[in-house]
C-alpha cells in the first residue's frame, strides 16, 4: 500500500524529532546540517505518525510507494518554512505582541530589558532565548538562542493562555536561516549590531547579514515596526530593505533621529544618560555598567515604545533595570575592592566592547581571562588576542569550550597576537591566578562563557560556572 496526499487527517501533535512522535503526530522529516530527517521516517511511522512533512526530493524518491496509504504525505520545496507555519497554526492562541531581536551581540540583554520595561508599564511580559524563558511566575533554562518551532510555539501558546501577551524573543542567524521564526506573527523586529561570528556556518559576512535580514525583509509583519541601531553600518542596509516594504523605522543610538543618545557619563555602578526621545530631552541614571549596555537598554526602550507604551513610564523604568545573568555581571569583589565581572563576550566585537566599557571605571589595571571555542570560526582567535593586547593591561589565555579540538593549538592561535599574555589551559586555575593578582582599583573580566553552566571538552559537558569559580576564588577555595 502507498501513502496518500495530505487529506483530512486529525493531527494530535507536531515534532521534527522522531523520538518524540506519538500516535496521531505529524513528523517533519527535515534535512539537518549533519543528518537527513528522512532517515528516521520508519521510526516515526513505528511510533504512530499519522502524517509526514517531507522535502520534494524525498517525496519524488518513491516514498509514497513504501508506506501505508493511511499515512498522509505533505511534500514541500521548503519543508522547514512549512513546518514553522504549520506549528504556528497548530499552537493557538499566540501572544498578540511579539518582538524579535537579532544581531551579533546584545540579543539576550535587549529581550530581557524589554520584558522588564513592559512589566514596569503594567503589561505581563516574557523573554525567551539563550537564557531560556522568563515570565510571570515562570523561569525555565534553555540551550538554544532560537528553539525548534514546536518548542517555541508550545511555550508561547501557554503564555497567551496565562494572559501574557507581550513577548520578546531572540532571533539567531541560525534560527532565521532555518526558518524557525516564520510561523510567528512578529509585530516588532529589532537589530542590535553585526560583527564577525558564526562564519563556520555562514561562510561569509554577507551571508551572515542576509540571514539577519530575513527578519526584516520577510518575517516581520507588513504593518510592523523595526527598531534599528543607527550607529551600525549594517543598519543602513536593513533600513533600505525596510523602506522598500514601507515599514516604519524607529532608530536609536548616537546618530539616531528617534532615540538619540546625546551623552554618556560613567558612574561608579552605572552611567548617566542624556537623551532626546521622540523630540523630548531627558536625563536618567542607568544602573548598568558599559556603553554597549546603554545601547541595549535604548533598543529595548524602542521596542516598548514601538508597541505603544507610555513614554514617561517606560523611560522611568530604565532607571530600575536589572542586569542579565552572565552579561557584565559583577560576580564578586576581591578583598582589595577590585571588581570581578563575568561576560559572555566570545566574539572580537563583544570582547572589544566589554573592555572598552570597563576602562572608564578604573584608573588602575584592567585584566582579562578568555579563550576561544573549538569547532568554530578559527579566524576570530588572533583577532581576539589583538584586541586583548590593545585594551587590557594583563591577559591570561585559557580554554573556553574546546569541544572536539585539541585545546593547546586553539590557545596557540590566540597567543600569536598576544605573546606577552600568560597561558594557563585549566580555566579554573586561570581564574584563581587572575583573582589572586588583583589589587585595589583593578578590574578583572572573565570573558567567553557568561551564563553557561558547563564546559564542553570532547563530547562531554563538565560542570563549570565562571561566576561560581570567581566567588570561590575570592573566598579562598583551592584551585
Protein backbone atom coordinates (compact mmCIF):
# COMPACT_ATOMS: atom_id res chain seq x y z
CA UNK A 1 0.00 0.00 0.00
CA UNK A 2 1.19 3.53 -0.58
CA UNK A 3 0.98 6.77 1.34
CA UNK A 4 -1.65 9.33 0.40
CA UNK A 5 -1.58 13.05 -0.22
CA UNK A 6 -2.43 15.18 2.80
CA UNK A 7 -6.18 14.97 3.41
CA UNK A 8 -8.49 15.37 6.41
CA UNK A 9 -6.15 13.87 8.98
CA UNK A 10 -6.57 14.64 12.67
CA UNK A 11 -3.18 15.81 13.91
CA UNK A 12 -2.64 15.45 17.65
CA UNK A 13 0.91 16.79 17.80
CA UNK A 14 3.84 18.00 15.68
CA UNK A 15 7.55 17.34 16.00
CA UNK A 16 10.76 17.19 13.99
CA UNK A 17 12.25 14.69 16.46
CA UNK A 18 11.27 11.12 15.68
CA UNK A 19 11.89 10.19 19.34
CA UNK A 20 9.02 12.48 20.36
CA UNK A 21 6.48 11.08 17.89
CA UNK A 22 3.27 9.70 19.40
CA UNK A 23 0.19 8.21 17.72
CA UNK A 24 -1.54 10.84 15.61
CA UNK A 25 1.52 13.10 15.29
CA UNK A 26 2.84 14.84 12.19
CA UNK A 27 6.56 14.14 11.80
CA UNK A 28 8.61 16.74 9.93
CA UNK A 29 11.50 14.94 8.22
CA UNK A 30 13.85 17.92 7.94
CA UNK A 31 17.34 17.94 6.49
CA UNK A 32 19.80 18.99 9.22
CA UNK A 33 23.41 20.11 8.99
CA UNK A 34 24.58 16.55 9.73
CA UNK A 35 21.59 14.20 9.43
CA UNK A 36 18.67 13.92 7.00
CA UNK A 37 15.42 13.53 8.95
CA UNK A 38 14.11 11.26 6.19
CA UNK A 39 16.28 8.51 7.70
CA UNK A 40 14.00 8.49 10.73
CA UNK A 41 10.70 8.14 8.85
CA UNK A 42 10.46 4.39 9.65
CA UNK A 43 10.93 5.18 13.36
CA UNK A 44 8.25 7.87 13.21
CA UNK A 45 5.82 5.52 11.47
CA UNK A 46 6.52 2.80 14.02
CA UNK A 47 5.72 5.31 16.78
CA UNK A 48 2.32 6.06 15.22
CA UNK A 49 2.88 9.08 12.97
CA UNK A 50 -0.29 9.96 11.07
CA UNK A 51 1.35 12.37 8.65
CA UNK A 52 4.76 13.18 7.23
CA UNK A 53 6.13 16.53 6.09
CA UNK A 54 8.96 15.84 3.65
CA UNK A 55 11.10 17.59 1.09
CA UNK A 56 10.02 17.44 -2.53
CA UNK A 57 13.13 15.38 -3.27
CA UNK A 58 12.22 12.81 -0.61
CA UNK A 59 8.67 12.61 -1.92
CA UNK A 60 9.83 12.14 -5.52
CA UNK A 61 12.22 9.36 -4.49
CA UNK A 62 9.26 6.97 -4.29
CA UNK A 63 8.41 7.41 -0.63
CA UNK A 64 4.66 7.10 -1.27
CA UNK A 65 5.10 3.58 -2.60
CA UNK A 66 6.81 2.41 0.57
CA UNK A 67 4.37 3.46 3.29
CA UNK A 68 0.79 2.76 4.30
CA UNK A 69 -1.93 4.68 2.46
CA UNK A 70 -3.40 5.76 5.80
CA UNK A 71 -0.37 7.97 6.38
CA UNK A 72 -0.76 11.40 4.79
CA UNK A 73 2.18 12.92 2.94
CA UNK A 74 2.89 16.61 2.70
CA UNK A 75 5.76 17.35 0.30
CA UNK A 76 7.18 20.86 0.13
CA UNK A 77 10.03 22.70 -1.60
CA UNK A 78 10.87 24.39 1.71
CA UNK A 79 9.77 21.97 4.43
CA UNK A 80 11.48 23.94 7.21
CA UNK A 81 9.43 27.04 6.49
CA UNK A 82 6.26 24.95 6.04
CA UNK A 83 6.96 23.24 9.37
CA UNK A 84 7.17 26.61 11.16
CA UNK A 85 3.94 27.77 9.51
CA UNK A 86 2.07 24.57 10.43
CA UNK A 87 3.30 24.73 14.01
CA UNK A 88 2.17 28.35 14.21
CA UNK A 89 -1.36 27.36 13.22
CA UNK A 90 -1.43 24.31 15.47
CA UNK A 91 -0.49 26.05 18.72
CA UNK A 92 -3.11 28.68 19.36
CA UNK A 93 -3.62 31.21 20.78
CA UNK A 94 -0.36 33.15 20.48
CA UNK A 95 0.66 36.38 22.27
CA UNK A 96 -0.66 39.44 20.46
CA UNK A 97 2.57 41.43 20.80
CA UNK A 98 5.76 39.64 19.73
CA UNK A 99 9.13 41.37 19.33
CA UNK A 100 12.10 39.55 17.80
CA UNK A 101 15.65 40.76 18.47
CA UNK A 102 18.56 39.93 16.18
CA UNK A 103 22.21 40.97 15.97
CA UNK A 104 25.62 39.54 16.83
CA UNK A 105 25.65 40.83 20.40
CA UNK A 106 23.06 42.07 22.87
CA UNK A 107 20.07 39.91 21.91
CA UNK A 108 19.67 38.36 25.35
CA UNK A 109 20.00 41.67 27.22
CA UNK A 110 17.62 43.51 24.89
CA UNK A 111 14.95 40.82 25.12
CA UNK A 112 15.17 40.71 28.91
CA UNK A 113 15.25 44.52 29.23
CA UNK A 114 12.15 44.76 27.03
CA UNK A 115 10.40 42.27 29.30
CA UNK A 116 11.30 44.34 32.36
CA UNK A 117 10.12 47.58 30.75
CA UNK A 118 6.81 46.05 29.68
CA UNK A 119 6.30 44.71 33.19
CA UNK A 120 7.03 48.14 34.66
CA UNK A 121 4.42 49.59 32.32
CA UNK A 122 1.81 47.18 33.65
CA UNK A 123 1.95 44.60 30.84
CA UNK A 124 2.55 40.95 31.82
CA UNK A 125 5.53 40.02 29.66
CA UNK A 126 8.08 37.31 28.91
CA UNK A 127 11.51 36.96 27.32
CA UNK A 128 12.64 33.80 25.52
CA UNK A 129 16.09 32.90 24.21
CA UNK A 130 19.59 31.91 25.25
CA UNK A 131 18.83 32.01 28.96
CA UNK A 132 15.54 30.18 28.48
CA UNK A 133 12.15 31.55 29.48
CA UNK A 134 11.47 34.34 31.95
CA UNK A 135 7.78 35.08 32.56
CA UNK A 136 5.47 35.94 35.46
CA UNK A 137 5.74 33.08 37.92
CA UNK A 138 7.80 31.03 35.50
CA UNK A 139 11.52 30.68 34.78
CA UNK A 140 12.98 27.83 32.74
CA UNK A 141 16.50 27.36 31.43
CA UNK A 142 17.19 26.76 27.75
CA UNK A 143 20.08 25.79 25.49
CA UNK A 144 19.21 27.38 22.14
CA UNK A 145 19.00 31.06 21.24
CA UNK A 146 16.12 30.31 18.86
CA UNK A 147 14.46 26.98 19.77
CA UNK A 148 12.74 24.47 17.48
CA UNK A 149 9.44 25.96 16.23
CA UNK A 150 7.31 23.36 18.01
CA UNK A 151 9.01 24.03 21.35
CA UNK A 152 8.80 27.79 20.83
CA UNK A 153 5.15 27.88 19.78
CA UNK A 154 4.03 25.50 22.51
CA UNK A 155 5.52 27.78 25.18
CA UNK A 156 4.13 30.93 23.56
CA UNK A 157 0.66 29.41 23.40
CA UNK A 158 0.87 28.53 27.10
CA UNK A 159 1.90 32.11 27.87
CA UNK A 160 -1.02 33.54 25.91
CA UNK A 161 -3.43 31.27 27.78
CA UNK A 162 -1.93 32.61 31.03
CA UNK A 163 -2.59 36.19 29.93
CA UNK A 164 0.98 37.04 28.89
CA UNK A 165 0.53 38.90 25.61
CA UNK A 166 3.88 40.70 25.36
CA UNK A 167 6.92 38.58 24.48
CA UNK A 168 10.45 39.38 23.33
CA UNK A 169 12.28 36.51 21.60
CA UNK A 170 15.84 36.23 20.39
CA UNK A 171 16.29 35.65 16.67
CA UNK A 172 19.63 34.00 15.92
CA UNK A 173 21.09 33.92 12.42
CA UNK A 174 20.87 30.11 12.51
CA UNK A 175 17.22 30.28 13.52
CA UNK A 176 16.41 32.77 10.77
CA UNK A 177 18.35 30.82 8.15
CA UNK A 178 16.49 27.67 9.18
CA UNK A 179 13.06 29.41 9.14
CA UNK A 180 12.36 28.70 12.83
CA UNK A 181 10.53 32.01 13.34
CA UNK A 182 8.46 32.03 10.16
CA UNK A 183 5.31 30.86 11.91
CA UNK A 184 5.23 33.80 14.33
CA UNK A 185 3.22 36.98 13.83
CA UNK A 186 6.11 39.31 14.69
CA UNK A 187 4.99 42.91 15.21
CA UNK A 188 8.37 44.40 16.11
CA UNK A 189 11.83 43.47 14.81
CA UNK A 190 14.93 44.91 16.48
CA UNK A 191 18.55 45.00 15.28
CA UNK A 192 21.49 45.47 17.66
CA UNK A 193 24.69 45.17 15.59
CA UNK A 194 26.65 42.98 13.20
CA UNK A 195 30.22 41.81 13.66
CA UNK A 196 32.23 38.68 13.00
CA UNK A 197 30.65 35.49 14.33
CA UNK A 198 29.31 32.13 13.12
CA UNK A 199 31.43 32.13 9.96
CA UNK A 200 31.86 28.39 10.45
CA UNK A 201 28.16 28.22 9.50
CA UNK A 202 27.54 31.20 7.22
CA UNK A 203 30.92 31.16 5.42
CA UNK A 204 30.93 34.92 4.70
CA UNK A 205 29.85 38.14 6.42
CA UNK A 206 27.50 38.86 3.54
CA UNK A 207 25.75 35.52 4.01
CA UNK A 208 25.59 36.20 7.75
CA UNK A 209 23.95 39.58 7.11
CA UNK A 210 21.48 38.06 4.65
CA UNK A 211 20.36 35.63 7.35
CA UNK A 212 19.75 38.53 9.73
CA UNK A 213 17.97 40.49 7.02
CA UNK A 214 15.31 37.79 6.65
CA UNK A 215 13.75 39.02 9.88
CA UNK A 216 13.11 42.43 8.35
CA UNK A 217 12.61 41.58 4.69
CA UNK A 218 10.38 38.50 5.09
CA UNK A 219 9.34 37.61 8.64
CA UNK A 220 8.26 40.93 10.16
CA UNK A 221 4.56 41.65 9.62
CA UNK A 222 3.87 44.20 6.87
CA UNK A 223 2.34 46.59 9.40
CA UNK A 224 5.11 46.03 11.94
CA UNK A 225 7.82 48.36 13.26
CA UNK A 226 11.60 47.95 13.00
CA UNK A 227 13.90 49.21 15.77
CA UNK A 228 17.33 49.80 14.24
CA UNK A 229 20.77 50.70 15.61
CA UNK A 230 21.61 53.88 13.72
CA UNK A 231 25.31 53.59 14.60
CA UNK A 232 25.91 50.22 12.93
CA UNK A 233 26.80 50.23 9.23
CA UNK A 234 24.57 47.21 8.62
CA UNK A 235 21.64 49.19 9.97
CA UNK A 236 21.69 51.25 6.80
CA UNK A 237 21.41 48.09 4.67
CA UNK A 238 18.45 46.93 6.73
CA UNK A 239 16.84 50.36 6.50
CA UNK A 240 16.95 50.18 2.70
CA UNK A 241 15.14 46.83 2.72
CA UNK A 242 12.57 48.21 5.16
CA UNK A 243 11.92 51.29 3.06
CA UNK A 244 11.06 49.03 0.13
CA UNK A 245 8.45 47.36 2.30
CA UNK A 246 7.30 50.75 3.63
CA UNK A 247 7.81 49.59 7.18
CA UNK A 248 8.12 52.18 9.94
CA UNK A 249 11.61 52.51 11.44
CA UNK A 250 12.47 53.64 14.96
CA UNK A 251 16.19 54.39 15.26
CA UNK A 252 18.35 54.54 18.37
CA UNK A 253 21.97 55.49 19.12
CA UNK A 254 24.42 58.35 18.78
CA UNK A 255 23.28 59.04 15.20
CA UNK A 256 19.60 58.31 15.72
CA UNK A 257 16.70 60.56 14.85
CA UNK A 258 14.19 58.91 17.22
CA UNK A 259 16.01 57.77 20.38
CA UNK A 260 19.15 59.90 20.40
CA UNK A 261 21.94 59.18 22.88
CA UNK A 262 23.46 62.63 23.37
CA UNK A 263 25.94 61.95 26.16
CA UNK A 264 27.11 59.16 28.47
CA UNK A 265 28.81 59.80 31.80
CA UNK A 266 30.30 56.76 33.62
CA UNK A 267 29.25 56.39 37.26
CA UNK A 268 30.74 54.01 39.88
CA UNK A 269 27.94 51.47 39.39
CA UNK A 270 26.22 52.65 36.23
CA UNK A 271 26.04 55.59 33.84
CA UNK A 272 24.28 58.92 33.39
CA UNK A 273 22.50 59.19 30.06
CA UNK A 274 21.46 62.36 28.27
CA UNK A 275 18.79 61.55 25.70
CA UNK A 276 16.36 63.01 23.24
CA UNK A 277 13.47 60.60 22.84
CA UNK A 278 10.94 61.38 20.14
CA UNK A 279 11.75 65.08 20.42
CA UNK A 280 11.87 65.31 24.22
CA UNK A 281 15.13 65.82 26.17
CA UNK A 282 15.69 63.68 29.23
CA UNK A 283 18.41 62.64 31.67
CA UNK A 284 18.46 59.46 33.71
CA UNK A 285 20.73 57.12 35.63
CA UNK A 286 21.06 53.66 34.09
CA UNK A 287 22.11 51.12 36.77
CA UNK A 288 24.25 49.15 34.30
CA UNK A 289 27.95 49.45 33.52
CA UNK A 290 29.12 49.70 29.91
CA UNK A 291 28.35 51.83 26.90
CA UNK A 292 27.02 48.84 24.98
CA UNK A 293 24.55 48.23 27.81
CA UNK A 294 23.17 51.72 27.29
CA UNK A 295 22.63 50.81 23.64
CA UNK A 296 20.90 47.57 24.65
CA UNK A 297 18.66 49.50 27.04
CA UNK A 298 17.75 52.02 24.32
CA UNK A 299 16.95 49.22 21.89
CA UNK A 300 14.60 47.75 24.50
CA UNK A 301 13.07 51.19 25.01
CA UNK A 302 12.50 51.39 21.26
CA UNK A 303 10.68 48.04 21.35
CA UNK A 304 8.20 49.04 24.05
CA UNK A 305 7.65 52.50 22.54
CA UNK A 306 7.02 50.91 19.14
CA UNK A 307 4.41 48.80 20.92
CA UNK A 308 2.65 51.88 22.27
CA UNK A 309 3.98 52.05 25.84
CA UNK A 310 3.71 55.33 27.75
CA UNK A 311 6.97 57.19 27.09
CA UNK A 312 7.32 58.76 30.53
CA UNK A 313 6.60 55.49 32.30
CA UNK A 314 8.95 53.46 30.09
CA UNK A 315 11.85 55.89 30.47
CA UNK A 316 11.42 56.00 34.25
CA UNK A 317 11.63 52.20 34.25
CA UNK A 318 15.10 52.37 32.65
CA UNK A 319 16.45 53.53 35.99
CA UNK A 320 15.40 50.24 37.58
CA UNK A 321 16.67 47.76 35.00
CA UNK A 322 18.34 44.67 36.44
CA UNK A 323 21.34 43.16 34.71
CA UNK A 324 21.19 39.84 32.88
CA UNK A 325 22.97 36.69 34.02
CA UNK A 326 26.46 36.48 32.56
CA UNK A 327 26.29 39.88 30.83
CA UNK A 328 28.81 42.16 32.56
CA UNK A 329 27.70 40.53 35.77
CA UNK A 330 29.52 41.64 38.90
CA UNK A 331 30.36 38.14 40.11
CA UNK A 332 32.44 39.04 43.16
CA UNK A 333 34.73 41.61 44.75
CA UNK A 334 38.29 40.91 45.79
CA UNK A 335 39.31 41.76 49.37
CA UNK A 336 41.03 44.81 47.89
CA UNK A 337 37.72 46.00 46.47
CA UNK A 338 38.65 45.11 42.89
CA UNK A 339 35.60 44.13 40.81
CA UNK A 340 35.38 40.76 39.07
CA UNK A 341 32.98 40.72 36.11
CA UNK A 342 31.76 37.77 34.07
CA UNK A 343 30.61 38.32 30.49
CA UNK A 344 29.52 36.15 27.59
CA UNK A 345 31.81 38.03 25.17
CA UNK A 346 33.03 35.32 22.79
CA UNK A 347 33.46 37.36 19.60
CA UNK A 348 36.05 40.02 18.73
CA UNK A 349 33.45 42.79 18.71
CA UNK A 350 31.94 41.71 22.04
CA UNK A 351 35.34 41.47 23.73
CA UNK A 352 36.29 44.92 22.47
CA UNK A 353 33.00 46.37 23.70
CA UNK A 354 33.40 44.83 27.16
CA UNK A 355 36.96 46.00 27.67
CA UNK A 356 36.19 49.45 26.28
CA UNK A 357 33.13 49.70 28.50
CA UNK A 358 35.03 48.88 31.69
CA UNK A 359 38.09 51.04 31.02
CA UNK A 360 36.45 54.28 32.27
CA UNK A 361 35.64 52.57 35.57
CA UNK A 362 39.26 52.05 36.60
CA UNK A 363 42.44 54.11 36.57
CA UNK A 364 44.43 51.03 37.61
CA UNK A 365 44.82 47.71 35.78
CA UNK A 366 42.18 46.17 33.54
CA UNK A 367 42.73 42.43 33.38
CA UNK A 368 41.07 39.75 31.25
CA UNK A 369 40.82 35.96 31.22
CA UNK A 370 39.48 34.47 27.98
CA UNK A 371 39.78 31.74 25.38
CA UNK A 372 38.07 30.69 22.14
CA UNK A 373 35.72 27.82 21.38
CA UNK A 374 36.72 24.78 19.41
CA UNK A 375 34.98 23.59 16.22
CA UNK A 376 34.08 27.19 15.45
CA UNK A 377 35.40 30.09 13.34
CA UNK A 378 39.20 29.99 13.72
CA UNK A 379 39.70 33.43 12.18
CA UNK A 380 38.48 35.26 15.26
CA UNK A 381 41.14 33.75 17.55
CA UNK A 382 44.04 36.06 16.62
CA UNK A 383 41.59 38.96 16.35
CA UNK A 384 40.56 38.49 19.97
CA UNK A 385 44.20 38.19 21.01
CA UNK A 386 44.99 41.50 19.32
CA UNK A 387 42.02 43.22 20.99
CA UNK A 388 43.05 41.95 24.42
CA UNK A 389 46.62 43.18 23.88
CA UNK A 390 45.41 46.62 22.81
CA UNK A 391 42.83 47.17 25.54
CA UNK A 392 43.85 45.19 28.63
CA UNK A 393 46.84 45.61 30.93
CA UNK A 394 47.18 41.93 31.80
CA UNK A 395 45.92 38.87 29.89
CA UNK A 396 45.51 35.21 30.72
CA UNK A 397 44.67 32.99 27.76
CA UNK A 398 42.81 29.86 28.83
CA UNK A 399 40.40 27.25 27.49
CA UNK A 400 36.81 28.12 26.58
CA UNK A 401 34.80 25.19 25.17
CA UNK A 402 37.43 23.27 23.17
CA UNK A 403 34.81 20.72 22.08
CA UNK A 404 36.47 18.12 19.83
CA UNK A 405 39.56 20.23 19.05
CA UNK A 406 42.85 19.91 20.89
CA UNK A 407 42.80 22.91 23.25
CA UNK A 408 46.53 23.72 23.05
CA UNK A 409 46.52 24.76 19.35
CA UNK A 410 43.48 26.96 19.99
CA UNK A 411 45.39 28.82 22.69
CA UNK A 412 48.43 29.00 20.42
CA UNK A 413 46.42 30.73 17.69
CA UNK A 414 45.31 33.36 20.22
CA UNK A 415 48.80 33.73 21.72
CA UNK A 416 50.29 34.64 18.33
CA UNK A 417 48.55 38.01 18.66
CA UNK A 418 49.26 38.45 22.39
CA UNK A 419 52.66 36.85 23.05
CA UNK A 420 53.06 38.67 26.38
CA UNK A 421 49.96 37.01 27.78
CA UNK A 422 50.11 34.29 30.41
CA UNK A 423 48.86 30.93 29.12
CA UNK A 424 47.02 28.68 31.59
CA UNK A 425 44.92 25.98 29.96
CA UNK A 426 42.95 24.97 33.04
CA UNK A 427 40.16 27.57 33.23
CA UNK A 428 39.66 27.30 36.98
CA UNK A 429 43.38 27.72 37.63
CA UNK A 430 43.44 30.69 35.24
CA UNK A 431 40.61 32.42 37.11
CA UNK A 432 42.20 31.77 40.52
CA UNK A 433 45.55 33.09 39.27
CA UNK A 434 43.96 36.26 37.91
CA UNK A 435 41.95 36.89 41.08
CA UNK A 436 44.95 36.35 43.34
CA UNK A 437 46.81 39.03 41.38
CA UNK A 438 44.19 41.75 41.86
CA UNK A 439 44.96 44.96 43.71
CA UNK A 440 42.86 47.89 44.85
CA UNK A 441 41.21 49.67 41.93
CA UNK A 442 41.82 46.86 39.42
CA UNK A 443 39.04 45.27 37.35
CA UNK A 444 39.04 41.69 36.10
CA UNK A 445 36.87 40.42 33.22
CA UNK A 446 36.30 36.69 32.80
CA UNK A 447 35.04 36.51 29.22
CA UNK A 448 33.54 33.96 26.88
CA UNK A 449 31.14 31.73 28.79
CA UNK A 450 28.91 34.10 30.74
CA UNK A 451 25.79 32.27 31.93
CA UNK A 452 26.94 28.82 30.79
CA UNK A 453 26.88 26.09 33.42
CA UNK A 454 29.28 23.71 31.73
CA UNK A 455 32.49 23.41 29.77
CA UNK A 456 32.42 21.29 26.62
CA UNK A 457 35.51 19.10 26.35
CA UNK A 458 35.34 16.43 23.70
CA UNK A 459 31.82 15.04 23.76
CA UNK A 460 31.35 15.74 27.47
CA UNK A 461 29.82 18.75 29.21
CA UNK A 462 31.61 19.14 32.53
CA UNK A 463 30.04 21.31 35.25
CA UNK A 464 31.61 24.76 35.16
CA UNK A 465 30.28 28.19 36.10
CA UNK A 466 32.55 31.25 35.78
CA UNK A 467 30.54 33.16 38.39
CA UNK A 468 30.79 30.37 40.96
CA UNK A 469 34.51 29.91 40.31
CA UNK A 470 35.04 33.66 40.76
CA UNK A 471 33.22 33.52 44.11
CA UNK A 472 35.27 30.52 45.19
CA UNK A 473 38.50 32.28 44.30
CA UNK A 474 37.57 35.29 46.42
CA UNK A 475 36.53 33.04 49.31
CA UNK A 476 39.93 31.40 49.19
CA UNK A 477 38.98 27.93 47.98
CA UNK A 478 41.78 25.98 46.35
CA UNK A 479 42.13 25.82 42.59
